[in-house]
Amino acid sequence: VQLQASGGGLVQPGGSLRLSCAVSGSIVGPTAIAWFRQAPGKKRELVASITSGDTTYYPDSVKGRFTISRDNAENTMFLQMNSLKPEDTAVYYCRLDDFSSRGGVYWGQGTQVTVSS
């Protein structure tokens, strides 16, 4: 199983970006997907997650601005980020948890998001 994240870039404060994460390989599920971020000198933190039952979670720092979603037919997950702030600058990683009997936790390679004027 491989995850390929894309969509990062440079954006001005108040702008938007949509991150994508393509999943390849055999996934049986059920699965949970999530996006994390890591800024320089800081720990990796969870910014959005969605369970197999479509329950979502967002920390207060991004609630109302970020939206996680997935397209099961295309094996792709997304993170829509609106009203971006300089403090959102970080490398963003996608993650997939496979809760089938096989199990497994899979990470994407990360995509840089820079919010700056």
Protein backbone atom coordinates (compact mmCIF):
# COMPACT_ATOMS: atom_id res chain seq x y z
CA VAL A 1 0.00 0.00 0.00
CA GLN A 2 1.34 3.43 -0.93
CA LEU A 3 0.04 6.93 -0.29
CA GLN A 4 1.00 9.84 -2.52
CA ALA A 5 0.20 13.34 -1.23
CA SER A 6 0.02 16.37 -3.48
CA GLY A 7 -1.44 19.85 -3.72
CA GLY A 8 0.79 21.83 -1.42
CA GLY A 9 2.28 25.15 -2.31
CA LEU A 10 2.63 28.81 -1.44
CA VAL A 11 -0.55 30.72 -0.67
CA GLN A 12 -1.31 34.11 0.80
CA PRO A 13 -3.05 34.46 4.16
CA GLY A 14 -6.77 34.02 3.71
CA GLY A 15 -6.30 31.83 0.69
CA SER A 16 -7.26 28.21 0.06
CA LEU A 17 -5.57 24.99 -0.93
CA ARG A 18 -6.85 21.48 -1.56
CA LEU A 19 -4.55 18.63 -0.70
CA SER A 20 -4.99 15.21 -2.25
CA CYS A 21 -3.70 11.82 -1.23
CA ALA A 22 -3.92 8.95 -3.68
CA VAL A 23 -3.96 5.46 -2.23
CA SER A 24 -2.64 2.58 -4.27
CA GLY A 25 -2.56 -1.09 -3.40
CA SER A 26 -5.04 -3.46 -1.88
CA ILE A 27 -7.10 -2.08 0.98
CA VAL A 28 -9.81 -4.26 2.46
CA GLY A 29 -10.93 -2.03 5.30
CA PRO A 30 -12.59 -0.80 7.32
CA THR A 31 -10.28 2.16 7.31
CA ALA A 32 -9.79 5.52 8.92
CA ILE A 33 -7.98 8.33 7.18
CA ALA A 34 -6.32 11.39 8.60
CA TRP A 35 -4.18 14.38 7.82
CA PHE A 36 -1.33 15.48 10.07
CA ARG A 37 1.08 18.38 9.85
CA GLN A 38 4.51 19.14 11.21
CA ALA A 39 6.02 22.59 11.41
CA PRO A 40 9.77 23.09 11.88
CA GLY A 41 10.78 22.37 15.46
CA LYS A 42 7.33 21.13 16.41
CA LYS A 43 5.71 17.75 16.91
CA ARG A 44 3.52 16.22 14.25
CA GLU A 45 -0.11 17.06 15.01
CA LEU A 46 -3.45 15.76 13.83
CA VAL A 47 -5.48 18.27 11.82
CA ALA A 48 -8.36 16.15 10.54
CA SER A 49 -9.61 12.58 10.59
CA ILE A 50 -12.55 10.59 9.34
CA THR A 51 -13.57 7.11 10.42
CA SER A 52 -15.04 4.32 8.33
CA GLY A 53 -18.41 5.46 9.66
CA ASP A 54 -17.73 8.99 8.37
CA THR A 55 -17.31 10.54 11.79
CA THR A 56 -14.97 13.50 11.46
CA TYR A 57 -12.70 15.19 13.96
CA TYR A 58 -10.93 18.54 13.81
CA PRO A 59 -8.90 20.27 16.50
CA ASP A 60 -10.01 23.76 17.43
CA SER A 61 -7.08 25.26 15.54
CA VAL A 62 -8.58 24.28 12.17
CA LYS A 63 -12.26 23.68 12.92
CA GLY A 64 -14.48 25.57 10.53
CA ARG A 65 -11.62 26.12 8.08
CA PHE A 66 -10.48 22.62 7.09
CA THR A 67 -12.62 19.81 5.67
CA ILE A 68 -11.54 16.22 5.21
CA SER A 69 -13.21 13.98 2.66
CA ARG A 70 -12.59 10.90 0.58
CA ASP A 71 -13.62 9.38 -2.69
CA ASN A 72 -13.72 5.64 -2.16
CA ALA A 73 -14.26 4.95 -5.85
CA GLU A 74 -11.03 6.79 -6.70
CA ASN A 75 -9.13 5.70 -3.55
CA THR A 76 -8.30 9.30 -2.85
CA MET A 77 -8.58 11.46 0.24
CA PHE A 78 -8.70 15.24 0.35
CA LEU A 79 -8.11 18.10 2.73
CA GLN A 80 -9.78 21.36 1.77
CA MET A 81 -8.11 24.24 3.61
CA ASN A 82 -9.74 27.66 3.64
CA SER A 83 -8.92 30.93 5.38
CA LEU A 84 -5.32 29.85 5.70
CA LYS A 85 -3.11 31.50 8.28
CA PRO A 86 0.69 31.77 8.53
CA GLU A 87 0.57 29.36 11.46
CA ASP A 88 -0.82 26.70 9.12
CA THR A 89 2.59 26.56 7.44
CA ALA A 90 3.90 23.01 7.74
CA VAL A 91 4.52 19.78 5.92
CA TYR A 92 1.21 17.95 5.64
CA TYR A 93 1.02 14.16 5.74
CA CYS A 94 -1.83 11.80 4.96
CA ARG A 95 -2.31 8.61 6.87
CA LEU A 96 -4.48 5.54 6.43
CA ASP A 97 -5.28 3.02 9.17
CA ASP A 98 -6.37 -0.38 7.95
CA PHE A 99 -8.53 -2.12 10.56
CA SER A 100 -8.97 -5.33 8.60
CA SER A 101 -7.50 -8.59 9.90
CA ARG A 102 -4.32 -7.69 8.01
CA GLY A 103 -4.03 -4.34 9.74
CA GLY A 104 -1.51 -1.61 9.05
CA VAL A 105 -0.80 2.10 9.27
CA TYR A 106 0.37 3.82 6.10
CA TRP A 107 1.81 7.32 5.63
CA GLY A 108 2.20 9.55 2.62
CA GLN A 109 5.46 11.34 1.93
CA GLY A 110 4.28 14.83 2.90
CA THR A 111 3.54 17.98 0.96
CA GLN A 112 4.72 21.46 1.94
CA VAL A 113 2.17 24.17 2.63
CA THR A 114 3.49 27.70 3.09
CA VAL A 115 1.18 30.56 4.02
CA SER A 116 2.90 33.87 3.53
CA SER A 117 2.38 37.25 1.96
